[in-house]
Amino acid sequence: SFNHTVTVGASPPPAADSLRLWLFDSGGNHLEQPELKYHTFSPAAVEGYRTLSAKLPKAGCSLAYFHIPLPQCAGLQPVAGQQRTFDAALLSGMVPRPWRWEPFTSLVRLLGKDRVVGSSKLESGLFAALAERADVRACFFGHDHFSDAVFLAQGIYFAY
């Protein structure tokens, strides 16, 4: 099911200076299938967002919050800050051989393959829904504790 939304503003209906917050449960560890890494947004939550977003009066600005980043953030060049998930994996020994040694780590960076995110391997459809509805201007998430970056994709900012 859809998780939660709240609109903050002077009075109903939402005015140009109102703010709508969309709060999503992005799931947790995928214990049944560890290769998928994490659960993702339920189809009901994505459809609930689509339906409610179309039904509610437009707010001045809409922001979304969830814990685990969308897989579409992988490979994006930060517009601000640094994406450090690959560096954290290097330090913890989680990068497989030979990619953890030079000159291979430089090659990984050169090819942009260091721009990884700790996201589910499952596609939820939330990114497509956000782009389609075009009401959410920015999404905020955590999860990759070493990253402090902002990305831009299809007119939506994504930030750690």
N, C-alpha and C. Protein backbone atom coordinates (compact mmCIF):
# COMPACT_ATOMS: atom_id res chain seq x y z
N SER A 1 0.84 -1.18 0.00
CA SER A 1 0.00 0.00 0.00
C SER A 1 0.88 1.24 0.00
N PHE A 2 0.27 2.37 -0.36
CA PHE A 2 1.01 3.62 -0.37
C PHE A 2 1.30 4.01 1.07
N ASN A 3 2.38 4.70 1.29
CA ASN A 3 2.86 4.95 2.63
C ASN A 3 2.29 6.22 3.26
N HIS A 4 2.70 7.39 2.80
CA HIS A 4 2.18 8.60 3.45
C HIS A 4 2.48 9.83 2.61
N THR A 5 1.59 10.80 2.69
CA THR A 5 1.85 12.13 2.12
C THR A 5 1.23 13.16 3.04
N VAL A 6 1.86 14.29 3.10
CA VAL A 6 1.34 15.40 3.89
C VAL A 6 1.65 16.69 3.12
N THR A 7 0.69 17.61 3.14
CA THR A 7 0.88 18.90 2.50
C THR A 7 0.91 19.97 3.57
N VAL A 8 1.94 20.79 3.53
CA VAL A 8 2.12 21.86 4.50
C VAL A 8 1.90 23.18 3.77
N GLY A 9 0.99 24.00 4.29
CA GLY A 9 0.73 25.28 3.65
C GLY A 9 -0.22 26.11 4.48
N ALA A 10 -0.51 27.31 3.99
CA ALA A 10 -1.33 28.26 4.75
C ALA A 10 -2.78 27.79 4.90
N SER A 11 -3.38 27.33 3.81
CA SER A 11 -4.77 26.89 3.89
C SER A 11 -5.12 26.04 2.68
N PRO A 12 -6.16 25.19 2.80
CA PRO A 12 -6.56 24.40 1.65
C PRO A 12 -7.27 25.28 0.63
N PRO A 13 -7.29 24.98 -0.64
CA PRO A 13 -6.44 23.96 -1.26
C PRO A 13 -4.99 24.42 -1.29
N PRO A 14 -4.06 23.51 -1.55
CA PRO A 14 -2.64 23.90 -1.53
C PRO A 14 -2.38 25.09 -2.46
N ALA A 15 -1.67 26.05 -1.92
CA ALA A 15 -1.33 27.25 -2.67
C ALA A 15 0.06 27.11 -3.28
N ALA A 16 0.45 28.12 -4.02
CA ALA A 16 1.75 28.11 -4.69
C ALA A 16 2.91 28.02 -3.69
N ASP A 17 2.66 28.42 -2.45
CA ASP A 17 3.74 28.37 -1.46
C ASP A 17 3.64 27.14 -0.54
N SER A 18 2.82 26.16 -0.91
CA SER A 18 2.68 24.94 -0.11
C SER A 18 3.77 23.93 -0.47
N LEU A 19 3.99 23.01 0.43
CA LEU A 19 4.99 21.95 0.26
C LEU A 19 4.32 20.61 0.51
N ARG A 20 4.46 19.69 -0.43
CA ARG A 20 3.92 18.34 -0.26
C ARG A 20 5.08 17.37 -0.06
N LEU A 21 4.98 16.56 0.97
CA LEU A 21 6.00 15.54 1.27
C LEU A 21 5.42 14.17 0.98
N TRP A 22 6.16 13.37 0.20
CA TRP A 22 5.79 11.99 -0.10
C TRP A 22 6.78 11.10 0.65
N LEU A 23 6.26 10.23 1.51
CA LEU A 23 7.11 9.35 2.33
C LEU A 23 6.88 7.91 1.89
N PHE A 24 7.95 7.24 1.45
CA PHE A 24 7.86 5.89 0.92
C PHE A 24 8.66 4.92 1.78
N ASP A 25 8.17 3.70 1.89
CA ASP A 25 8.92 2.60 2.51
C ASP A 25 9.64 1.86 1.39
N SER A 26 10.96 1.99 1.34
CA SER A 26 11.74 1.35 0.28
C SER A 26 12.15 -0.07 0.64
N GLY A 27 11.67 -0.59 1.75
CA GLY A 27 11.95 -1.98 2.11
C GLY A 27 13.25 -2.12 2.87
N GLY A 28 13.66 -3.37 3.05
CA GLY A 28 14.88 -3.69 3.77
C GLY A 28 15.66 -4.76 3.04
N ASN A 29 16.50 -5.47 3.76
CA ASN A 29 17.29 -6.55 3.16
C ASN A 29 16.38 -7.62 2.57
N HIS A 30 16.74 -8.12 1.41
CA HIS A 30 15.97 -9.17 0.74
C HIS A 30 16.53 -10.52 1.20
N LEU A 31 16.00 -11.03 2.30
CA LEU A 31 16.53 -12.25 2.91
C LEU A 31 16.21 -13.50 2.10
N GLU A 32 15.08 -13.49 1.39
CA GLU A 32 14.69 -14.66 0.61
C GLU A 32 15.59 -14.86 -0.60
N GLN A 33 16.03 -13.76 -1.21
CA GLN A 33 16.90 -13.81 -2.39
C GLN A 33 18.01 -12.78 -2.20
N PRO A 34 19.08 -13.13 -1.47
CA PRO A 34 20.14 -12.18 -1.15
C PRO A 34 20.80 -11.54 -2.37
N GLU A 35 20.79 -12.24 -3.52
CA GLU A 35 21.41 -11.67 -4.72
C GLU A 35 20.67 -10.41 -5.21
N LEU A 36 19.43 -10.23 -4.77
CA LEU A 36 18.67 -9.04 -5.14
C LEU A 36 19.00 -7.85 -4.24
N LYS A 37 19.77 -8.11 -3.19
CA LYS A 37 20.22 -7.12 -2.22
C LYS A 37 19.09 -6.65 -1.29
N TYR A 38 18.16 -5.85 -1.83
CA TYR A 38 17.14 -5.22 -0.99
C TYR A 38 15.77 -5.36 -1.63
N HIS A 39 14.74 -5.30 -0.78
CA HIS A 39 13.38 -5.19 -1.30
C HIS A 39 13.26 -3.83 -1.97
N THR A 40 12.14 -3.59 -2.59
CA THR A 40 11.92 -2.30 -3.23
C THR A 40 10.50 -1.84 -2.95
N PHE A 41 10.11 -0.75 -3.55
CA PHE A 41 8.78 -0.20 -3.37
C PHE A 41 7.75 -1.17 -3.93
N SER A 42 6.67 -1.35 -3.21
CA SER A 42 5.64 -2.28 -3.67
C SER A 42 4.89 -1.69 -4.87
N PRO A 43 4.37 -2.55 -5.75
CA PRO A 43 3.55 -2.05 -6.86
C PRO A 43 2.37 -1.21 -6.36
N ALA A 44 1.80 -1.61 -5.22
CA ALA A 44 0.67 -0.86 -4.66
C ALA A 44 1.09 0.55 -4.24
N ALA A 45 2.30 0.70 -3.70
CA ALA A 45 2.79 2.02 -3.31
C ALA A 45 3.02 2.90 -4.53
N VAL A 46 3.59 2.33 -5.58
CA VAL A 46 3.84 3.09 -6.81
C VAL A 46 2.51 3.52 -7.44
N GLU A 47 1.57 2.59 -7.53
CA GLU A 47 0.26 2.91 -8.11
C GLU A 47 -0.50 3.88 -7.21
N GLY A 48 -0.35 3.72 -5.89
CA GLY A 48 -0.98 4.65 -4.95
C GLY A 48 -0.46 6.06 -5.13
N TYR A 49 0.85 6.19 -5.34
CA TYR A 49 1.43 7.51 -5.60
C TYR A 49 0.85 8.09 -6.90
N ARG A 50 0.85 7.29 -7.96
CA ARG A 50 0.33 7.77 -9.25
C ARG A 50 -1.11 8.28 -9.11
N THR A 51 -1.94 7.48 -8.48
CA THR A 51 -3.36 7.80 -8.33
C THR A 51 -3.57 9.05 -7.47
N LEU A 52 -2.93 9.06 -6.30
CA LEU A 52 -3.10 10.18 -5.38
C LEU A 52 -2.50 11.47 -5.94
N SER A 53 -1.37 11.36 -6.60
CA SER A 53 -0.72 12.52 -7.21
C SER A 53 -1.61 13.16 -8.27
N ALA A 54 -2.31 12.33 -9.03
CA ALA A 54 -3.21 12.84 -10.07
C ALA A 54 -4.47 13.46 -9.47
N LYS A 55 -4.89 12.94 -8.31
CA LYS A 55 -6.15 13.37 -7.69
C LYS A 55 -6.00 14.64 -6.85
N LEU A 56 -4.87 14.80 -6.17
CA LEU A 56 -4.68 15.95 -5.28
C LEU A 56 -4.45 17.24 -6.06
N PRO A 57 -4.88 18.38 -5.51
CA PRO A 57 -4.55 19.66 -6.15
C PRO A 57 -3.03 19.86 -6.13
N LYS A 58 -2.52 20.52 -7.14
CA LYS A 58 -1.07 20.71 -7.26
C LYS A 58 -0.54 21.56 -6.12
N ALA A 59 0.57 21.13 -5.53
CA ALA A 59 1.25 21.89 -4.49
C ALA A 59 2.35 22.73 -5.13
N GLY A 60 2.82 23.72 -4.40
CA GLY A 60 3.89 24.57 -4.92
C GLY A 60 5.16 23.78 -5.19
N CYS A 61 5.47 22.85 -4.31
CA CYS A 61 6.67 22.02 -4.44
C CYS A 61 6.40 20.68 -3.79
N SER A 62 6.90 19.61 -4.40
CA SER A 62 6.75 18.27 -3.81
C SER A 62 8.12 17.63 -3.68
N LEU A 63 8.35 16.99 -2.54
CA LEU A 63 9.60 16.29 -2.26
C LEU A 63 9.27 14.88 -1.80
N ALA A 64 10.16 13.93 -2.09
CA ALA A 64 9.95 12.54 -1.67
C ALA A 64 11.11 12.10 -0.78
N TYR A 65 10.79 11.25 0.19
CA TYR A 65 11.79 10.72 1.12
C TYR A 65 11.65 9.21 1.19
N PHE A 66 12.79 8.52 1.14
CA PHE A 66 12.84 7.07 1.34
C PHE A 66 14.25 6.70 1.72
N HIS A 67 14.47 5.48 2.18
CA HIS A 67 15.77 5.08 2.70
C HIS A 67 16.73 4.57 1.62
N ILE A 68 16.31 3.61 0.83
CA ILE A 68 17.19 2.96 -0.14
C ILE A 68 17.06 3.65 -1.50
N PRO A 69 18.19 4.07 -2.11
CA PRO A 69 18.11 4.78 -3.39
C PRO A 69 17.52 3.94 -4.51
N LEU A 70 17.05 4.62 -5.53
CA LEU A 70 16.55 3.96 -6.73
C LEU A 70 17.72 3.45 -7.56
N PRO A 71 17.57 2.32 -8.24
CA PRO A 71 18.66 1.80 -9.07
C PRO A 71 19.07 2.76 -10.19
N GLN A 72 18.18 3.65 -10.59
CA GLN A 72 18.49 4.61 -11.66
C GLN A 72 19.57 5.61 -11.25
N CYS A 73 19.87 5.71 -9.96
CA CYS A 73 20.92 6.62 -9.50
C CYS A 73 22.32 6.07 -9.77
N ALA A 74 22.42 4.78 -10.01
CA ALA A 74 23.72 4.18 -10.32
C ALA A 74 24.22 4.72 -11.65
N GLY A 75 25.47 5.07 -11.68
CA GLY A 75 26.09 5.54 -12.91
C GLY A 75 25.92 7.03 -13.17
N LEU A 76 25.12 7.71 -12.38
CA LEU A 76 24.94 9.15 -12.58
C LEU A 76 26.14 9.92 -12.04
N GLN A 77 26.51 10.95 -12.75
CA GLN A 77 27.58 11.85 -12.31
C GLN A 77 26.98 12.83 -11.31
N PRO A 78 27.55 12.95 -10.11
CA PRO A 78 27.00 13.92 -9.15
C PRO A 78 27.11 15.35 -9.67
N VAL A 79 26.06 16.14 -9.45
CA VAL A 79 26.12 17.56 -9.78
C VAL A 79 26.69 18.35 -8.61
N ALA A 80 26.71 17.72 -7.44
CA ALA A 80 27.33 18.30 -6.24
C ALA A 80 27.69 17.15 -5.31
N GLY A 81 28.73 17.35 -4.52
CA GLY A 81 29.14 16.34 -3.55
C GLY A 81 29.88 15.18 -4.18
N GLN A 82 30.02 14.10 -3.40
CA GLN A 82 30.77 12.93 -3.85
C GLN A 82 30.01 11.65 -3.54
N GLN A 83 30.08 10.75 -4.48
CA GLN A 83 29.51 9.41 -4.29
C GLN A 83 30.66 8.50 -3.87
N ARG A 84 30.60 7.97 -2.66
CA ARG A 84 31.73 7.26 -2.07
C ARG A 84 31.46 5.78 -1.78
N THR A 85 30.42 5.20 -2.34
CA THR A 85 30.10 3.81 -2.05
C THR A 85 31.22 2.88 -2.52
N PHE A 86 31.78 3.14 -3.69
CA PHE A 86 32.88 2.32 -4.20
C PHE A 86 34.10 2.43 -3.29
N ASP A 87 34.40 3.64 -2.83
CA ASP A 87 35.53 3.83 -1.92
C ASP A 87 35.33 3.07 -0.61
N ALA A 88 34.11 3.09 -0.10
CA ALA A 88 33.80 2.35 1.13
C ALA A 88 33.98 0.85 0.91
N ALA A 89 33.54 0.37 -0.25
CA ALA A 89 33.70 -1.06 -0.58
C ALA A 89 35.17 -1.42 -0.71
N LEU A 90 35.98 -0.53 -1.28
CA LEU A 90 37.43 -0.77 -1.38
C LEU A 90 38.04 -0.90 0.01
N LEU A 91 37.71 0.04 0.89
CA LEU A 91 38.27 0.04 2.24
C LEU A 91 37.87 -1.19 3.05
N SER A 92 36.68 -1.69 2.80
CA SER A 92 36.20 -2.85 3.57
C SER A 92 36.57 -4.18 2.93
N GLY A 93 37.24 -4.15 1.77
CA GLY A 93 37.65 -5.39 1.10
C GLY A 93 36.53 -6.07 0.34
N MET A 94 35.45 -5.35 0.04
CA MET A 94 34.31 -5.95 -0.65
C MET A 94 34.43 -5.93 -2.17
N VAL A 95 35.41 -5.19 -2.70
CA VAL A 95 35.63 -5.15 -4.15
C VAL A 95 36.46 -6.37 -4.51
N PRO A 96 35.99 -7.17 -5.47
CA PRO A 96 36.72 -8.41 -5.81
C PRO A 96 38.05 -8.13 -6.51
N ARG A 97 38.92 -9.11 -6.44
CA ARG A 97 40.19 -9.04 -7.17
C ARG A 97 39.92 -9.15 -8.65
N PRO A 98 40.62 -8.58 -9.52
CA PRO A 98 41.76 -7.68 -9.34
C PRO A 98 41.34 -6.22 -9.23
N TRP A 99 40.02 -5.94 -9.19
CA TRP A 99 39.52 -4.57 -9.27
C TRP A 99 39.87 -3.72 -8.07
N ARG A 100 40.34 -4.33 -7.00
CA ARG A 100 40.69 -3.54 -5.81
C ARG A 100 42.12 -3.01 -5.87
N TRP A 101 42.88 -3.41 -6.89
CA TRP A 101 44.27 -2.97 -7.00
C TRP A 101 44.46 -2.05 -8.20
N GLU A 102 45.47 -1.18 -8.10
CA GLU A 102 45.86 -0.36 -9.25
C GLU A 102 46.56 -1.24 -10.26
N PRO A 103 46.43 -1.01 -11.53
CA PRO A 103 45.75 0.10 -12.19
C PRO A 103 44.26 -0.14 -12.40
N PHE A 104 43.73 -1.25 -11.87
CA PHE A 104 42.33 -1.60 -12.13
C PHE A 104 41.34 -0.63 -11.49
N THR A 105 41.65 -0.14 -10.27
CA THR A 105 40.72 0.82 -9.65
C THR A 105 40.64 2.10 -10.47
N SER A 106 41.76 2.52 -11.05
CA SER A 106 41.73 3.71 -11.92
C SER A 106 40.89 3.46 -13.16
N LEU A 107 40.97 2.26 -13.70
CA LEU A 107 40.16 1.91 -14.87
C LEU A 107 38.67 1.92 -14.52
N VAL A 108 38.33 1.38 -13.35
CA VAL A 108 36.94 1.39 -12.88
C VAL A 108 36.43 2.83 -12.81
N ARG A 109 37.25 3.72 -12.25
CA ARG A 109 36.85 5.13 -12.13
C ARG A 109 36.76 5.80 -13.50
N LEU A 110 37.71 5.52 -14.37
CA LEU A 110 37.72 6.11 -15.71
C LEU A 110 36.45 5.74 -16.49
N LEU A 111 36.00 4.51 -16.33
CA LEU A 111 34.80 4.04 -17.02
C LEU A 111 33.50 4.44 -16.31
N GLY A 112 33.63 5.08 -15.13
CA GLY A 112 32.45 5.50 -14.39
C GLY A 112 31.76 4.37 -13.65
N LYS A 113 32.41 3.22 -13.55
CA LYS A 113 31.80 2.07 -12.89
C LYS A 113 31.90 2.17 -11.37
N ASP A 114 32.55 3.22 -10.88
CA ASP A 114 32.62 3.46 -9.44
C ASP A 114 31.37 4.17 -8.93
N ARG A 115 30.51 4.58 -9.83
CA ARG A 115 29.28 5.30 -9.46
C ARG A 115 28.18 4.29 -9.13
N VAL A 116 28.37 3.59 -8.06
CA VAL A 116 27.42 2.54 -7.65
C VAL A 116 26.56 3.05 -6.50
N VAL A 117 25.39 2.46 -6.37
CA VAL A 117 24.52 2.76 -5.24
C VAL A 117 24.06 1.45 -4.62
N GLY A 118 23.81 1.47 -3.34
CA GLY A 118 23.29 0.30 -2.66
C GLY A 118 21.79 0.25 -2.82
N SER A 119 21.34 -0.18 -3.99
CA SER A 119 19.90 -0.22 -4.28
C SER A 119 19.46 -1.65 -4.55
N SER A 120 18.16 -1.82 -4.63
CA SER A 120 17.62 -3.12 -4.99
C SER A 120 17.95 -3.43 -6.44
N LYS A 121 18.01 -4.69 -6.77
CA LYS A 121 18.18 -5.10 -8.17
C LYS A 121 16.82 -5.20 -8.86
N LEU A 122 15.76 -4.99 -8.09
CA LEU A 122 14.40 -5.05 -8.63
C LEU A 122 13.94 -3.68 -9.09
N GLU A 123 13.31 -3.62 -10.23
CA GLU A 123 12.75 -2.36 -10.74
C GLU A 123 11.33 -2.21 -10.21
N SER A 124 11.09 -1.13 -9.50
CA SER A 124 9.77 -0.91 -8.89
C SER A 124 8.82 -0.12 -9.78
N GLY A 125 9.37 0.67 -10.68
CA GLY A 125 8.53 1.55 -11.48
C GLY A 125 8.36 2.93 -10.86
N LEU A 126 8.94 3.15 -9.67
CA LEU A 126 8.77 4.45 -9.02
C LEU A 126 9.44 5.57 -9.81
N PHE A 127 10.63 5.32 -10.33
CA PHE A 127 11.32 6.37 -11.10
C PHE A 127 10.46 6.80 -12.28
N ALA A 128 9.92 5.83 -13.01
CA ALA A 128 9.07 6.14 -14.17
C ALA A 128 7.83 6.91 -13.73
N ALA A 129 7.25 6.53 -12.60
CA ALA A 129 6.05 7.23 -12.10
C ALA A 129 6.38 8.67 -11.71
N LEU A 130 7.52 8.87 -11.05
CA LEU A 130 7.93 10.23 -10.67
C LEU A 130 8.16 11.09 -11.91
N ALA A 131 8.84 10.53 -12.91
CA ALA A 131 9.11 11.28 -14.14
C ALA A 131 7.82 11.57 -14.90
N GLU A 132 6.92 10.61 -14.92
CA GLU A 132 5.64 10.76 -15.62
C GLU A 132 4.76 11.84 -14.97
N ARG A 133 4.65 11.80 -13.65
CA ARG A 133 3.80 12.75 -12.93
C ARG A 133 4.44 14.14 -12.89
N ALA A 134 5.76 14.22 -12.87
CA ALA A 134 6.51 15.49 -12.91
C ALA A 134 6.10 16.47 -11.81
N ASP A 135 5.70 15.96 -10.65
CA ASP A 135 5.36 16.86 -9.55
C ASP A 135 6.43 16.88 -8.46
N VAL A 136 7.18 15.81 -8.31
CA VAL A 136 8.24 15.74 -7.30
C VAL A 136 9.51 16.35 -7.89
N ARG A 137 10.04 17.35 -7.21
CA ARG A 137 11.25 18.03 -7.71
C ARG A 137 12.53 17.38 -7.20
N ALA A 138 12.46 16.76 -6.02
CA ALA A 138 13.67 16.16 -5.45
C ALA A 138 13.30 14.98 -4.56
N CYS A 139 14.18 13.98 -4.56
CA CYS A 139 14.05 12.80 -3.69
C CYS A 139 15.27 12.76 -2.78
N PHE A 140 15.04 12.44 -1.53
CA PHE A 140 16.13 12.36 -0.55
C PHE A 140 16.16 10.96 0.02
N PHE A 141 17.35 10.39 0.13
CA PHE A 141 17.52 9.04 0.67
C PHE A 141 18.82 8.96 1.43
N GLY A 142 19.02 7.86 2.13
CA GLY A 142 20.23 7.63 2.92
C GLY A 142 20.89 6.37 2.45
N HIS A 143 21.04 5.44 3.34
CA HIS A 143 21.50 4.08 3.06
C HIS A 143 22.99 3.97 2.76
N ASP A 144 23.51 4.67 1.76
CA ASP A 144 24.94 4.62 1.45
C ASP A 144 25.62 5.70 2.28
N HIS A 145 26.02 5.34 3.49
CA HIS A 145 26.43 6.31 4.49
C HIS A 145 27.71 7.06 4.14
N PHE A 146 28.47 6.58 3.17
CA PHE A 146 29.71 7.25 2.79
C PHE A 146 29.48 8.27 1.68
N SER A 147 28.30 8.28 1.09
CA SER A 147 28.00 9.18 -0.01
C SER A 147 27.32 10.45 0.48
N ASP A 148 27.67 11.54 -0.16
CA ASP A 148 27.08 12.84 0.11
C ASP A 148 27.00 13.55 -1.23
N ALA A 149 26.01 13.20 -2.03
CA ALA A 149 25.97 13.68 -3.40
C ALA A 149 24.54 14.02 -3.83
N VAL A 150 24.47 14.83 -4.87
CA VAL A 150 23.21 15.19 -5.51
C VAL A 150 23.32 14.83 -6.98
N PHE A 151 22.28 14.19 -7.51
CA PHE A 151 22.24 13.78 -8.91
C PHE A 151 21.02 14.41 -9.56
N LEU A 152 21.03 14.48 -10.89
CA LEU A 152 19.89 14.99 -11.63
C LEU A 152 19.57 14.02 -12.75
N ALA A 153 18.32 13.57 -12.80
CA ALA A 153 17.87 12.67 -13.86
C ALA A 153 16.44 13.02 -14.22
N GLN A 154 16.20 13.27 -15.48
CA GLN A 154 14.87 13.59 -16.02
C GLN A 154 14.18 14.70 -15.23
N GLY A 155 14.94 15.71 -14.86
CA GLY A 155 14.38 16.87 -14.18
C GLY A 155 14.12 16.69 -12.70
N ILE A 156 14.54 15.56 -12.12
CA ILE A 156 14.35 15.30 -10.70
C ILE A 156 15.73 15.21 -10.03
N TYR A 157 15.89 15.92 -8.92
CA TYR A 157 17.13 15.82 -8.15
C TYR A 157 17.02 14.65 -7.19
N PHE A 158 18.11 13.93 -7.03
CA PHE A 158 18.21 12.81 -6.10
C PHE A 158 19.39 13.09 -5.19
N ALA A 159 19.18 13.06 -3.89
CA ALA A 159 20.24 13.48 -2.97
C ALA A 159 20.37 12.55 -1.77
N TYR A 160 21.64 12.30 -1.39
CA TYR A 160 21.93 11.59 -0.15
C TYR A 160 21.86 12.59 0.97
